[in-house]
Amino acid sequence: MKPQTKQVLGWLKAGNTLTSRQAQKLFGIDRLASRIGELRDAGHTVITTMIRVRKSNIGRYSMEAM
């Protein structure tokens, strides 16, 4: 698993949510959707919730509480 993917996994497992903009600011990740895809391919359940931000829809990622 790539280091950035591990960062995202740790963040989501801690109960946080993450958008592309947050991923860029927090971790320097430009392609969050690719990292989410890697997590899903590895068997993790990642939930995508579409939210409205300044007339645009963006994805907010989360994991169910364990």
Protein backbone atom coordinates (compact mmCIF):
# COMPACT_ATOMS: atom_id res chain seq x y z
CA MET A 1 0.00 0.00 0.00
CA LYS A 2 1.35 3.43 -0.92
CA PRO A 3 2.30 5.81 1.92
CA GLN A 4 -0.41 8.31 0.91
CA THR A 5 -2.99 5.53 0.90
CA LYS A 6 -1.91 4.55 4.41
CA GLN A 7 -2.30 8.17 5.53
CA VAL A 8 -5.85 8.28 4.15
CA LEU A 9 -6.71 4.95 5.77
CA GLY A 10 -5.44 6.10 9.16
CA TRP A 11 -7.36 9.38 8.88
CA LEU A 12 -10.62 7.66 7.96
CA LYS A 13 -10.23 4.89 10.54
CA ALA A 14 -9.86 7.59 13.20
CA GLY A 15 -13.44 8.59 12.42
CA ASN A 16 -12.65 11.63 10.28
CA THR A 17 -14.10 12.53 6.89
CA LEU A 18 -12.04 13.70 3.93
CA THR A 19 -12.60 15.71 0.75
CA SER A 20 -10.15 16.22 -2.10
CA ARG A 21 -9.36 19.74 -0.92
CA GLN A 22 -8.68 18.56 2.62
CA ALA A 23 -6.47 15.74 1.33
CA GLN A 24 -4.43 18.26 -0.64
CA LYS A 25 -4.00 20.56 2.36
CA LEU A 26 -3.35 17.86 4.98
CA PHE A 27 -1.32 15.29 3.05
CA GLY A 28 -0.37 16.83 -0.31
CA ILE A 29 -2.54 14.29 -2.13
CA ASP A 30 -3.67 15.45 -5.57
CA ARG A 31 -5.68 12.37 -6.58
CA LEU A 32 -7.73 11.35 -3.57
CA ALA A 33 -10.16 9.32 -5.67
CA SER A 34 -7.26 7.08 -6.75
CA ARG A 35 -6.22 6.51 -3.13
CA ILE A 36 -9.84 5.70 -2.23
CA GLY A 37 -9.94 3.22 -5.11
CA GLU A 38 -6.82 1.53 -3.75
CA LEU A 39 -8.45 1.22 -0.33
CA ARG A 40 -11.56 -0.31 -1.86
CA ASP A 41 -9.46 -2.70 -3.93
CA ALA A 42 -7.76 -3.77 -0.68
CA GLY A 43 -11.18 -4.65 0.79
CA HIS A 44 -11.92 -1.55 2.86
CA THR A 45 -15.44 -0.12 2.83
CA VAL A 46 -15.25 3.60 2.10
CA ILE A 47 -18.48 5.60 1.98
CA THR A 48 -18.89 8.47 -0.46
CA THR A 49 -21.36 11.22 0.41
CA MET A 50 -21.95 13.93 -2.16
CA ILE A 51 -22.09 17.43 -0.66
CA ARG A 52 -22.79 20.82 -2.20
CA VAL A 53 -19.97 23.40 -1.99
CA ARG A 54 -20.26 26.72 -3.81
CA LYS A 55 -22.62 25.41 -6.51
CA SER A 56 -20.53 22.27 -7.06
CA ASN A 57 -21.01 18.72 -5.84
CA ILE A 58 -17.96 17.09 -4.26
CA GLY A 59 -17.38 13.74 -2.58
CA ARG A 60 -16.79 13.45 1.14
CA TYR A 61 -15.25 10.12 2.11
CA SER A 62 -15.69 8.28 5.40
CA MET A 63 -15.61 4.81 6.93
CA GLU A 64 -18.21 3.25 9.17
CA ALA A 65 -17.38 3.24 12.85
CA MET A 66 -15.86 -0.04 13.91
